[in-house]
Amino acid sequence: MLRAPLLVACCLAGLSYAAGTVAATPASATAGASEASPWARGIENQRKADLGDGTFLNPVFAGDRPDPSVLKDGEDYYLTLSSFDAYPGLPLWHSRDLVNWQPLGHAITKNVGSIWAPDIIKHDGRYFIYFPARTGGTEGSERSNYVVWADDIRGPWSEPVNIGLGRYIDPGHAVGEDGKRYLFLSGGAYVQLSDDGLSVVGEAKHVYDGWQYPAEWDVEAYAQEGPKINFRDGWYYMTTAVGGTAGPPTGHMVITARSRSIHGPWENSPHNPIVRTVSRDEPWWSRGHATIVEGTDDRWWMMYHGYENGYWTLGRQALLEPIEWTDAGWFVAKGGDLGQPLAKPAGESVGEHGMALSDDFSSGRLGAQWSFYNPTPNEYERLSFGDGTLSLQGKGTQPRDSSPLTVIAGDKSYEFQVEMEIEPGAQGGALLFYSDRLYVGVGSNGERFIMHRYGEERPTQIAPSATGGKLWMRVRNDQHIVTIHTSTDGESWTKYPVQMEISGYHHNVAGRFLAVKPAIYAAGEGQVHFRNFQYRALD
């Protein structure tokens, strides 16, 4: 029988681990947030934006979907997002209405560092994604810019091509009046691209000074970034973000400028900032980093990201807002604070929004919902499949150095459970994982438990088991309150004697611009065999 760690028992005087035994509750059971959800519910009860009456309620992409870049390709829209340390990375999505999105896969598997702020475009029939990546964390890091390309949006995608420009981030593609290709960059710079788009020509030049917000506003930093270029009625529009992407809720914002020439000069909009959170009481914080896209019925839209009020832990979620053009040729935002339903864009949904996070591991391959955290080049060799089992070879000693497998959850309350068979010498567990610095959950060697809290271990380690064992684990995150149950037969469940509160597990505490994600891990020398991972959002 599995035993609670001695340190936990000593610290929790009077609390009996056995007293937590409860009847089995399937992961599909729903339980309660304290008030009714205003969103529609879709796959696995996950919240979705489409309310089914011609309106939608933001977010259109719940959960960690930062820096959305949208490409309109005829009647279709394609989207990719920042994936940071998660690989496979650069997730690809398809939509016909900008609200309901279906997954297409990923554009990169090779780890080139933490990926953010991509730009997806189509040029001469070929698809390109330009993106920056950074290795080594924020301190002493090295960074560069890359491109991947494909002749079919569904792939195969090329290996990443390093185009340099390490001083800059957030490349945005444009074609000038001279027919040449350019990348616009952070800080108001731009550089010419080769005709094939796979290298730069000459040096980057400064072309735009940005727009300065009032000094009395509470922002994180000026941080002019994320330039996206649109052409309309003889004008080039450069839409950028300033104010920093986290920090105070009122910091991030969207601004725009225009020019008759790709080379400038650039004139700022009299309506700047186009979007900004003006009060911490609003439903969405730090709104910014927009892509402007024309709908199929001549209406225009902005897709950008923001933090949900009180839920930095979910990461920056993708938001959709209508815009209108003035007689003077500027666009203005028309969605208010995004707290109420809005009329949907034109177009028909081509399928259910989102994807299942649950996995019975019967497909024989890693599902599209899964990504490793900061994997090594041979990470995928740790995986094997058979008979409804994902077998994961142990790596490292604890979650921080084991490259856990993670999924993106977009609900305020949810639970997940998984069955584990732990080989002798291995350690496996279930987590809520932010980064290698910050995570929470429980692991086991098949005989004893180890608690993961604050990114630390209690006890600091457990000796490898000579026998291993089988274990079911259920993790519930109910509006930041985390409870864990374990079972040795999948029927009778025992409540772990420590509950946790994780509202502080976010960027403003630990950096990295990430989100709390459900995760499983395998450490040590042996394998952990995972079966029947089940996810369910709670109402």
Protein backbone atom coordinates (compact mmCIF):
# COMPACT_ATOMS: atom_id res chain seq x y z
CA MET A 1 0.00 0.00 0.00
CA LEU A 2 1.25 3.47 -0.89
CA ARG A 3 2.32 5.53 2.10
CA ALA A 4 2.25 9.30 2.52
CA PRO A 5 5.70 10.86 2.95
CA LEU A 6 6.89 11.02 6.53
CA LEU A 7 7.60 14.74 6.33
CA VAL A 8 4.00 15.50 5.36
CA ALA A 9 2.63 13.36 8.18
CA CYS A 10 4.85 15.12 10.73
CA CYS A 11 3.94 18.59 9.57
CA LEU A 12 0.17 17.99 9.56
CA ALA A 13 -0.47 17.12 13.17
CA GLY A 14 -3.80 15.42 13.77
CA LEU A 15 -4.60 14.88 10.08
CA SER A 16 -5.17 11.27 9.10
CA TYR A 17 -4.33 10.36 5.51
CA ALA A 18 -6.67 7.36 5.62
CA ALA A 19 -9.54 9.59 6.69
CA GLY A 20 -9.68 10.98 3.16
CA THR A 21 -10.96 7.75 1.59
CA VAL A 22 -13.97 8.49 -0.62
CA ALA A 23 -16.13 6.68 -3.10
CA ALA A 24 -15.01 6.74 -6.70
CA THR A 25 -16.07 9.81 -8.66
CA PRO A 26 -15.50 9.55 -12.41
CA ALA A 27 -13.54 12.36 -14.03
CA SER A 28 -16.58 13.04 -16.21
CA ALA A 29 -18.57 14.23 -13.20
CA THR A 30 -19.19 17.96 -13.05
CA ALA A 31 -18.94 20.08 -9.97
CA GLY A 32 -19.11 23.49 -9.04
CA ALA A 33 -18.00 26.86 -9.74
CA SER A 34 -20.13 29.04 -7.52
CA GLU A 35 -22.06 30.74 -10.29
CA ALA A 36 -23.45 29.66 -13.65
CA SER A 37 -21.06 29.94 -16.58
CA PRO A 38 -22.03 32.48 -19.26
CA TRP A 39 -20.16 30.49 -21.91
CA ALA A 40 -21.39 27.65 -24.05
CA ARG A 41 -19.90 24.23 -23.29
CA GLY A 42 -18.27 21.99 -25.85
CA ILE A 43 -15.87 19.05 -25.91
CA GLU A 44 -15.37 17.63 -22.38
CA ASN A 45 -17.53 20.47 -21.07
CA GLN A 46 -14.79 22.95 -22.03
CA ARG A 47 -16.07 26.48 -22.37
CA LYS A 48 -16.42 27.85 -25.89
CA ALA A 49 -17.20 31.26 -27.32
CA ASP A 50 -19.98 30.44 -29.83
CA LEU A 51 -23.27 30.85 -27.95
CA GLY A 52 -25.29 29.28 -30.78
CA ASP A 53 -27.53 32.31 -31.34
CA GLY A 54 -25.38 34.31 -33.75
CA THR A 55 -23.25 35.77 -30.98
CA PHE A 56 -20.02 34.85 -29.22
CA LEU A 57 -18.48 35.64 -25.85
CA ASN A 58 -14.71 36.06 -25.50
CA PRO A 59 -12.30 34.40 -25.23
CA VAL A 60 -12.48 32.72 -28.62
CA PHE A 61 -9.46 30.65 -27.51
CA ALA A 62 -9.62 29.95 -23.80
CA GLY A 63 -6.36 29.17 -22.05
CA ASP A 64 -2.77 29.91 -22.97
CA ARG A 65 -3.05 31.25 -26.56
CA PRO A 66 -0.75 34.29 -26.67
CA ASP A 67 0.33 36.49 -29.59
CA PRO A 68 -2.27 35.17 -32.09
CA SER A 69 -1.33 35.62 -35.74
CA VAL A 70 -4.15 35.14 -38.26
CA LEU A 71 -3.92 34.55 -42.01
CA LYS A 72 -6.96 34.93 -44.27
CA ASP A 73 -6.65 32.59 -47.25
CA GLY A 74 -9.76 32.86 -49.42
CA GLU A 75 -12.70 31.64 -47.32
CA ASP A 76 -10.35 30.08 -44.76
CA TYR A 77 -8.51 31.48 -41.76
CA TYR A 78 -5.35 29.96 -40.34
CA LEU A 79 -3.81 30.84 -37.02
CA THR A 80 -0.68 30.17 -35.02
CA LEU A 81 0.41 31.31 -31.58
CA SER A 82 3.38 31.61 -29.30
CA SER A 83 4.27 28.18 -27.92
CA PHE A 84 7.28 29.19 -25.77
CA ASP A 85 9.01 26.12 -24.28
CA ALA A 86 6.37 23.62 -25.46
CA TYR A 87 7.29 21.22 -28.26
CA PRO A 88 5.90 20.28 -30.73
CA GLY A 89 5.44 24.01 -31.12
CA LEU A 90 3.77 26.63 -33.32
CA PRO A 91 0.29 25.05 -33.18
CA LEU A 92 -1.81 25.50 -36.31
CA TRP A 93 -5.58 26.04 -36.33
CA HIS A 94 -8.22 26.43 -39.05
CA SER A 95 -11.53 28.31 -39.06
CA ARG A 96 -14.19 29.60 -41.42
CA ASP A 97 -15.77 32.06 -38.98
CA LEU A 98 -12.94 33.29 -36.69
CA VAL A 99 -14.78 31.90 -33.64
CA ASN A 100 -14.78 28.12 -34.03
CA TRP A 101 -11.32 26.65 -34.62
CA GLN A 102 -10.09 23.13 -35.36
CA PRO A 103 -6.49 21.91 -34.88
CA LEU A 104 -4.25 21.10 -37.85
CA GLY A 105 -1.11 20.07 -35.97
CA HIS A 106 2.18 21.85 -35.35
CA ALA A 107 4.77 23.53 -37.56
CA ILE A 108 7.92 22.70 -35.55
CA THR A 109 9.32 19.83 -33.51
CA LYS A 110 13.00 20.82 -33.27
CA ASN A 111 13.73 22.80 -30.10
CA VAL A 112 15.31 26.12 -31.06
CA GLY A 113 14.42 27.80 -27.77
CA SER A 114 11.41 29.56 -26.31
CA ILE A 115 9.20 30.64 -29.25
CA TRP A 116 7.01 33.74 -29.13
CA ALA A 117 5.22 36.30 -31.33
CA PRO A 118 5.06 34.43 -34.68
CA ASP A 119 3.67 35.80 -37.94
CA ILE A 120 1.94 33.41 -40.35
CA ILE A 121 1.68 34.58 -43.97
CA LYS A 122 1.21 33.28 -47.52
CA HIS A 123 3.38 34.52 -50.36
CA ASP A 124 3.39 33.24 -53.96
CA GLY A 125 1.45 30.14 -52.94
CA ARG A 126 3.78 29.15 -50.08
CA TYR A 127 3.10 29.43 -46.35
CA PHE A 128 5.69 30.96 -44.01
CA ILE A 129 5.87 31.43 -40.26
CA TYR A 130 8.42 33.93 -38.97
CA PHE A 131 9.22 33.86 -35.26
CA PRO A 132 11.87 34.72 -32.65
CA ALA A 133 13.28 32.17 -30.21
CA ARG A 134 15.40 32.46 -27.11
CA THR A 135 17.57 29.94 -25.30
CA GLY A 136 19.02 30.19 -21.82
CA GLY A 137 16.08 31.85 -20.07
CA THR A 138 15.87 35.58 -19.50
CA GLU A 139 19.30 35.89 -17.88
CA GLY A 140 22.26 35.53 -20.21
CA SER A 141 19.99 34.37 -22.99
CA GLU A 142 20.77 34.06 -26.67
CA ARG A 143 18.13 34.76 -29.26
CA SER A 144 17.60 34.78 -32.98
CA ASN A 145 14.81 34.84 -35.56
CA TYR A 146 13.69 31.90 -37.65
CA VAL A 147 11.36 30.91 -40.45
CA VAL A 148 9.62 27.65 -41.34
CA TRP A 149 7.75 27.13 -44.60
CA ALA A 150 5.39 24.68 -46.28
CA ASP A 151 3.60 24.32 -49.60
CA ASP A 152 0.56 22.87 -47.82
CA ILE A 153 -0.72 24.41 -44.59
CA ARG A 154 -1.03 20.89 -43.16
CA GLY A 155 2.64 20.25 -43.82
CA PRO A 156 5.15 18.90 -44.00
CA TRP A 157 6.89 21.99 -42.66
CA SER A 158 10.55 22.71 -43.24
CA GLU A 159 13.22 22.58 -40.61
CA PRO A 160 13.65 26.00 -38.97
CA VAL A 161 15.90 28.38 -40.91
CA ASN A 162 17.93 30.79 -38.78
CA ILE A 163 17.78 34.28 -40.28
CA GLY A 164 19.62 36.05 -37.44
CA LEU A 165 18.62 39.56 -36.31
CA GLY A 166 19.34 38.63 -32.71
CA ARG A 167 18.88 42.23 -31.49
CA TYR A 168 15.22 42.15 -32.48
CA ILE A 169 12.06 40.14 -31.81
CA ASP A 170 8.53 39.80 -33.20
CA PRO A 171 9.10 39.76 -36.99
CA GLY A 172 6.11 40.83 -39.09
CA HIS A 173 6.13 40.18 -42.86
CA ALA A 174 5.18 42.74 -45.51
CA VAL A 175 5.48 43.28 -49.25
CA GLY A 176 6.33 46.83 -50.30
CA GLU A 177 5.19 48.92 -53.24
CA ASP A 178 8.47 47.87 -54.88
CA GLY A 179 7.43 44.19 -54.76
CA LYS A 180 10.21 43.39 -52.29
CA ARG A 181 9.65 41.48 -49.06
CA TYR A 182 10.38 42.99 -45.65
CA LEU A 183 10.30 42.08 -41.99
CA PHE A 184 9.19 44.69 -39.48
CA LEU A 185 10.73 44.20 -36.04
CA SER A 186 10.56 45.32 -32.44
CA GLY A 187 11.55 48.89 -31.63
CA GLY A 188 10.36 50.29 -34.96
CA ALA A 189 12.97 48.63 -37.20
CA TYR A 190 12.60 46.82 -40.54
CA VAL A 191 14.83 44.86 -42.88
CA GLN A 192 14.57 43.61 -46.44
CA LEU A 193 14.19 39.88 -47.09
CA SER A 194 15.53 37.85 -49.98
CA ASP A 195 13.01 36.97 -52.67
CA ASP A 196 12.60 33.45 -51.27
CA GLY A 197 12.01 34.86 -47.78
CA LEU A 198 14.68 32.69 -46.18
CA SER A 199 17.38 35.28 -45.46
CA VAL A 200 17.81 39.00 -44.91
CA VAL A 201 19.30 41.55 -47.28
CA GLY A 202 21.41 44.28 -45.70
CA GLU A 203 21.04 45.70 -42.22
CA ALA A 204 17.95 46.49 -40.19
CA LYS A 205 16.98 50.19 -40.16
CA HIS A 206 14.93 52.26 -37.77
CA VAL A 207 11.76 53.55 -39.43
CA TYR A 208 9.15 54.25 -36.71
CA ASP A 209 9.36 55.94 -33.32
CA GLY A 210 6.05 54.64 -32.01
CA TRP A 211 3.33 56.39 -30.06
CA GLN A 212 3.92 57.60 -26.51
CA TYR A 213 1.19 57.10 -23.92
CA PRO A 214 0.68 59.59 -21.05
CA ALA A 215 3.27 59.34 -18.28
CA GLU A 216 0.61 59.00 -15.57
CA TRP A 217 -0.68 55.66 -16.94
CA ASP A 218 0.34 52.53 -15.03
CA VAL A 219 2.23 50.31 -17.47
CA GLU A 220 4.96 47.70 -17.27
CA ALA A 221 7.35 49.25 -19.81
CA TYR A 222 7.20 50.98 -23.17
CA ALA A 223 8.24 47.84 -25.13
CA GLN A 224 7.26 48.61 -28.75
CA GLU A 225 6.72 45.14 -30.24
CA GLY A 226 4.60 42.79 -32.35
CA PRO A 227 4.37 44.82 -35.61
CA LYS A 228 1.81 43.52 -38.12
CA ILE A 229 1.41 45.13 -41.55
CA ASN A 230 -1.85 45.47 -43.53
CA PHE A 231 -2.46 47.21 -46.85
CA ARG A 232 -5.81 48.92 -47.53
CA ASP A 233 -6.89 51.64 -49.96
CA GLY A 234 -3.37 52.78 -50.76
CA TRP A 235 -2.18 52.84 -47.15
CA TYR A 236 0.16 50.56 -45.23
CA TYR A 237 -0.98 50.13 -41.63
CA MET A 238 1.50 49.05 -38.95
CA THR A 239 -0.27 47.76 -35.85
CA THR A 240 1.93 47.26 -32.80
CA ALA A 241 1.81 46.70 -29.05
CA VAL A 242 3.29 48.94 -26.38
CA GLY A 243 3.15 49.00 -22.60
CA GLY A 244 4.51 45.57 -21.79
CA THR A 245 2.58 42.33 -21.98
CA ALA A 246 2.10 41.61 -18.25
CA GLY A 247 2.66 43.76 -15.17
CA PRO A 248 -0.21 46.14 -14.28
CA PRO A 249 -3.58 45.16 -15.80
CA THR A 250 -3.71 48.61 -17.45
CA GLY A 251 -0.34 48.32 -19.19
CA HIS A 252 -0.62 46.50 -22.52
CA MET A 253 -2.29 48.19 -25.50
CA VAL A 254 -2.76 48.27 -29.29
CA ILE A 255 -1.63 51.21 -31.40
CA THR A 256 -1.45 51.78 -35.13
CA ALA A 257 0.23 54.07 -37.67
CA ARG A 258 0.04 54.37 -41.47
CA SER A 259 2.18 55.34 -44.43
CA ARG A 260 1.81 55.58 -48.19
CA SER A 261 5.16 53.80 -48.52
CA ILE A 262 6.53 50.71 -46.80
CA HIS A 263 9.60 52.85 -46.10
CA GLY A 264 7.66 55.54 -44.20
CA PRO A 265 7.23 58.12 -42.87
CA TRP A 266 4.65 56.64 -40.47
CA GLU A 267 1.82 58.76 -39.10
CA ASN A 268 0.23 57.75 -35.78
CA SER A 269 -3.50 57.23 -35.53
CA PRO A 270 -5.43 59.96 -33.72
CA HIS A 271 -7.40 57.12 -32.08
CA ASN A 272 -4.40 55.56 -30.30
CA PRO A 273 -4.53 53.51 -28.22
CA ILE A 274 -6.99 51.48 -30.27
CA VAL A 275 -7.38 49.02 -27.37
CA ARG A 276 -6.35 49.29 -23.75
CA THR A 277 -7.60 47.99 -20.40
CA VAL A 278 -8.34 51.21 -18.52
CA SER A 279 -9.39 49.70 -15.17
CA ARG A 280 -8.49 46.58 -13.20
CA ASP A 281 -12.27 46.08 -12.80
CA GLU A 282 -12.63 45.13 -16.47
CA PRO A 283 -13.06 41.44 -17.40
CA TRP A 284 -9.83 41.37 -19.45
CA TRP A 285 -6.45 42.67 -18.38
CA SER A 286 -3.38 43.67 -20.41
CA ARG A 287 -5.13 43.58 -23.78
CA GLY A 288 -2.79 43.94 -26.73
CA HIS A 289 -0.66 42.45 -29.53
CA ALA A 290 -3.24 42.50 -32.33
CA THR A 291 -3.51 41.05 -35.81
CA ILE A 292 -5.95 42.90 -38.09
CA VAL A 293 -7.93 40.66 -40.45
CA GLU A 294 -10.68 41.30 -42.99
CA GLY A 295 -13.74 39.08 -42.71
CA THR A 296 -15.40 37.36 -45.64
CA ASP A 297 -18.27 39.90 -45.59
CA ASP A 298 -16.07 43.04 -45.66
CA ARG A 299 -16.25 43.52 -41.90
CA TRP A 300 -12.88 43.76 -40.13
CA TRP A 301 -11.66 42.26 -36.88
CA MET A 302 -8.80 42.34 -34.39
CA MET A 303 -7.46 39.16 -32.80
CA TYR A 304 -5.26 39.84 -29.78
CA HIS A 305 -4.57 38.47 -26.30
CA GLY A 306 -5.38 39.37 -22.72
CA TYR A 307 -5.36 37.98 -19.20
CA GLU A 308 -8.70 37.08 -17.65
CA ASN A 309 -9.51 39.11 -14.54
CA GLY A 310 -8.16 37.14 -11.58
CA TYR A 311 -6.76 34.33 -13.75
CA TRP A 312 -3.22 35.18 -14.76
CA THR A 313 -2.66 31.44 -14.22
CA LEU A 314 -4.52 30.63 -17.47
CA GLY A 315 -2.03 32.67 -19.49
CA ARG A 316 -2.87 35.17 -22.19
CA GLN A 317 -6.07 34.13 -23.95
CA ALA A 318 -7.06 34.94 -27.53
CA LEU A 319 -9.73 37.63 -27.90
CA LEU A 320 -11.70 38.75 -30.96
CA GLU A 321 -13.06 42.27 -31.39
CA PRO A 322 -14.83 44.01 -34.30
CA ILE A 323 -13.30 47.17 -35.74
CA GLU A 324 -14.72 49.82 -38.04
CA TRP A 325 -13.05 52.18 -40.49
CA THR A 326 -13.62 55.92 -40.21
CA ASP A 327 -14.14 58.21 -43.18
CA ALA A 328 -10.59 59.44 -42.60
CA GLY A 329 -9.21 55.94 -43.14
CA TRP A 330 -8.44 54.91 -39.55
CA PHE A 331 -9.84 51.94 -37.69
CA VAL A 332 -11.42 52.03 -34.24
CA ALA A 333 -12.39 49.27 -31.82
CA LYS A 334 -16.08 48.52 -31.32
CA GLY A 335 -16.15 45.72 -28.75
CA GLY A 336 -16.07 47.68 -25.51
CA ASP A 337 -14.48 45.79 -22.62
CA LEU A 338 -15.46 42.44 -24.21
CA GLY A 339 -17.59 41.55 -21.21
CA GLN A 340 -20.75 41.04 -23.26
CA PRO A 341 -21.64 38.82 -26.25
CA LEU A 342 -20.85 40.22 -29.69
CA ALA A 343 -22.31 39.47 -33.13
CA LYS A 344 -20.34 36.71 -34.84
CA PRO A 345 -18.33 37.23 -38.01
CA ALA A 346 -19.65 35.80 -41.26
CA GLY A 347 -18.88 32.22 -42.16
CA GLU A 348 -19.95 28.75 -41.15
CA SER A 349 -18.25 26.56 -38.59
CA VAL A 350 -16.65 23.49 -40.14
CA GLY A 351 -16.60 21.49 -36.90
CA GLU A 352 -16.68 21.54 -33.12
CA HIS A 353 -14.40 24.15 -31.62
CA GLY A 354 -11.22 23.02 -29.92
CA MET A 355 -10.08 19.50 -29.19
CA ALA A 356 -10.31 16.84 -26.53
CA LEU A 357 -7.59 16.85 -23.91
CA SER A 358 -8.44 13.32 -22.82
CA ASP A 359 -6.39 10.55 -24.40
CA ASP A 360 -6.81 6.77 -24.29
CA PHE A 361 -3.40 6.45 -26.02
CA SER A 362 -4.82 4.08 -28.65
CA SER A 363 -3.68 6.11 -31.68
CA GLY A 364 -0.10 4.86 -31.46
CA ARG A 365 1.34 8.39 -31.54
CA LEU A 366 1.51 11.52 -29.43
CA GLY A 367 -1.81 13.33 -29.62
CA ALA A 368 -2.05 16.92 -30.81
CA GLN A 369 -3.02 18.05 -27.30
CA TRP A 370 0.37 17.07 -25.83
CA SER A 371 3.66 18.94 -25.76
CA PHE A 372 6.91 18.35 -23.90
CA TYR A 373 8.29 21.15 -21.75
CA ASN A 374 11.71 22.21 -23.09
CA PRO A 375 12.64 18.85 -24.66
CA THR A 376 16.09 17.65 -25.69
CA PRO A 377 16.64 16.63 -29.35
CA ASN A 378 16.02 12.95 -28.53
CA GLU A 379 12.99 13.56 -26.29
CA TYR A 380 10.54 11.80 -28.60
CA GLU A 381 12.59 8.61 -28.29
CA ARG A 382 11.37 8.39 -24.69
CA LEU A 383 7.89 7.58 -26.01
CA SER A 384 6.42 4.24 -27.03
CA PHE A 385 2.81 3.10 -27.48
CA GLY A 386 0.86 -0.13 -27.40
CA ASP A 387 -2.41 -1.62 -26.12
CA GLY A 388 -3.80 1.75 -25.02
CA THR A 389 -0.64 2.67 -23.13
CA LEU A 390 1.78 5.56 -23.38
CA SER A 391 5.12 4.41 -22.01
CA LEU A 392 7.48 7.21 -21.04
CA GLN A 393 11.09 6.56 -20.14
CA GLY A 394 12.18 8.35 -16.99
CA LYS A 395 14.35 11.45 -17.25
CA GLY A 396 15.98 13.49 -14.51
CA THR A 397 14.98 13.17 -10.88
CA GLN A 398 11.95 15.47 -10.44
CA PRO A 399 9.44 17.43 -12.58
CA ARG A 400 11.86 20.33 -13.04
CA ASP A 401 14.33 18.25 -15.08
CA SER A 402 12.02 15.57 -16.52
CA SER A 403 10.40 17.55 -19.41
CA PRO A 404 6.78 16.78 -18.39
CA LEU A 405 4.09 16.25 -21.00
CA THR A 406 1.55 19.06 -20.76
CA VAL A 407 -1.85 20.07 -22.17
CA ILE A 408 -3.44 23.53 -22.31
CA ALA A 409 -6.53 23.95 -20.13
CA GLY A 410 -8.80 26.95 -20.69
CA ASP A 411 -11.29 26.51 -17.86
CA LYS A 412 -11.36 28.17 -14.44
CA SER A 413 -12.22 24.83 -12.85
CA TYR A 414 -11.42 21.34 -14.07
CA GLU A 415 -10.16 17.94 -13.06
CA PHE A 416 -8.12 15.26 -14.72
CA GLN A 417 -7.10 11.75 -13.84
CA VAL A 418 -4.71 9.13 -15.15
CA GLU A 419 -3.72 5.55 -14.43
CA MET A 420 0.00 4.91 -13.95
CA GLU A 421 2.03 1.72 -13.78
CA ILE A 422 5.42 2.62 -12.34
CA GLU A 423 8.38 0.38 -13.06
CA PRO A 424 11.04 -0.31 -10.42
CA GLY A 425 13.50 2.59 -10.40
CA ALA A 426 11.04 5.08 -11.89
CA GLN A 427 8.97 7.90 -10.42
CA GLY A 428 5.78 9.21 -12.01
CA GLY A 429 3.10 11.68 -11.16
CA ALA A 430 0.43 14.20 -12.09
CA LEU A 431 0.98 17.93 -11.90
CA LEU A 432 -0.20 21.42 -12.48
CA PHE A 433 2.92 22.70 -14.19
CA TYR A 434 3.89 26.32 -14.81
CA SER A 435 7.64 25.99 -15.37
CA ASP A 436 10.68 24.19 -14.06
CA ARG A 437 10.65 26.76 -11.23
CA LEU A 438 6.99 26.47 -10.25
CA TYR A 439 4.67 23.46 -10.18
CA VAL A 440 2.41 21.53 -7.84
CA GLY A 441 1.26 17.92 -7.64
CA VAL A 442 2.08 14.46 -6.32
CA GLY A 443 4.52 11.84 -7.54
CA SER A 444 5.16 8.25 -6.55
CA ASN A 445 7.74 5.49 -6.91
CA GLY A 446 4.98 2.89 -6.60
CA GLU A 447 5.42 2.54 -2.83
CA ARG A 448 5.64 6.05 -1.40
CA PHE A 449 4.43 9.51 -2.32
CA ILE A 450 6.35 12.72 -2.85
CA MET A 451 4.63 16.09 -2.75
CA HIS A 452 5.53 18.78 -5.27
CA ARG A 453 4.66 22.27 -4.05
CA TYR A 454 6.10 25.69 -4.96
CA GLY A 455 8.39 23.85 -7.38
CA GLU A 456 9.98 22.04 -4.44
CA GLU A 457 9.79 18.45 -3.23
CA ARG A 458 8.61 17.17 0.19
CA PRO A 459 10.57 15.07 1.07
CA THR A 460 13.36 16.25 -1.19
CA GLN A 461 13.54 12.79 -2.78
CA ILE A 462 12.31 9.23 -2.37
CA ALA A 463 14.48 6.20 -2.92
CA PRO A 464 13.69 4.16 -6.04
CA SER A 465 11.22 1.37 -5.41
CA ALA A 466 12.36 -2.21 -5.90
CA THR A 467 8.86 -3.27 -6.88
CA GLY A 468 7.16 -0.25 -8.49
CA GLY A 469 3.39 -0.32 -8.45
CA LYS A 470 0.09 0.72 -10.01
CA LEU A 471 -1.65 3.95 -9.09
CA TRP A 472 -4.54 6.13 -10.22
CA MET A 473 -4.28 9.85 -9.61
CA ARG A 474 -6.90 12.60 -9.87
CA VAL A 475 -6.11 16.32 -9.73
CA ARG A 476 -8.78 18.98 -9.33
CA ASN A 477 -8.13 22.69 -9.87
CA ASP A 478 -11.27 24.51 -8.72
CA GLN A 479 -10.66 28.22 -9.17
CA HIS A 480 -7.06 27.87 -7.93
CA ILE A 481 -7.85 25.45 -5.08
CA VAL A 482 -6.03 22.20 -5.80
CA THR A 483 -7.03 18.86 -4.33
CA ILE A 484 -5.58 15.47 -5.22
CA HIS A 485 -7.00 11.96 -4.80
CA THR A 486 -5.22 8.66 -5.34
CA SER A 487 -6.42 5.10 -5.76
CA THR A 488 -4.82 1.67 -6.01
CA ASP A 489 -7.78 0.12 -7.85
CA GLY A 490 -9.49 2.97 -9.72
CA GLU A 491 -12.60 2.62 -7.55
CA SER A 492 -11.86 3.68 -3.96
CA TRP A 493 -10.14 7.04 -3.71
CA THR A 494 -8.08 8.60 -0.93
CA LYS A 495 -7.75 12.34 -0.53
CA TYR A 496 -4.17 13.53 -0.30
CA PRO A 497 -3.72 15.34 3.03
CA VAL A 498 -2.46 18.63 1.59
CA GLN A 499 -4.50 21.10 -0.45
CA MET A 500 -2.94 23.99 -2.27
CA GLU A 501 -3.83 27.48 -3.55
CA ILE A 502 -2.11 28.48 -6.79
CA SER A 503 -3.46 31.88 -7.84
CA GLY A 504 0.13 33.16 -7.68
CA TYR A 505 1.49 30.69 -10.24
CA HIS A 506 1.93 33.15 -13.10
CA HIS A 507 4.32 35.44 -14.94
CA ASN A 508 4.22 38.37 -12.52
CA VAL A 509 5.59 35.99 -9.88
CA ALA A 510 7.83 33.59 -11.83
CA GLY A 511 8.40 35.15 -15.26
CA ARG A 512 8.46 33.22 -18.57
CA PHE A 513 4.98 34.37 -19.85
CA LEU A 514 3.59 30.86 -19.36
CA ALA A 515 0.44 29.30 -17.85
CA VAL A 516 -0.52 26.55 -15.42
CA LYS A 517 -1.05 23.33 -17.37
CA PRO A 518 -2.19 19.81 -16.47
CA ALA A 519 0.82 17.53 -16.85
CA ILE A 520 2.20 14.03 -16.34
CA TYR A 521 5.84 13.17 -15.81
CA ALA A 522 8.29 10.27 -15.59
CA ALA A 523 11.63 10.55 -13.78
CA GLY A 524 14.29 8.11 -12.66
CA GLU A 525 15.73 5.06 -14.40
CA GLY A 526 12.66 3.04 -15.36
CA GLN A 527 9.51 3.65 -17.38
CA VAL A 528 6.09 4.89 -16.34
CA HIS A 529 3.15 3.48 -18.29
CA PHE A 530 0.20 5.88 -18.54
CA ARG A 531 -3.33 4.82 -19.44
CA ASN A 532 -6.67 6.54 -19.89
CA PHE A 533 -5.93 10.23 -19.29
CA GLN A 534 -9.31 11.91 -18.70
CA TYR A 535 -10.02 15.65 -18.59
CA ARG A 536 -13.29 17.34 -17.68
CA ALA A 537 -14.12 21.01 -17.19
CA LEU A 538 -16.27 21.81 -14.17
CA ASP A 539 -19.24 24.14 -14.50
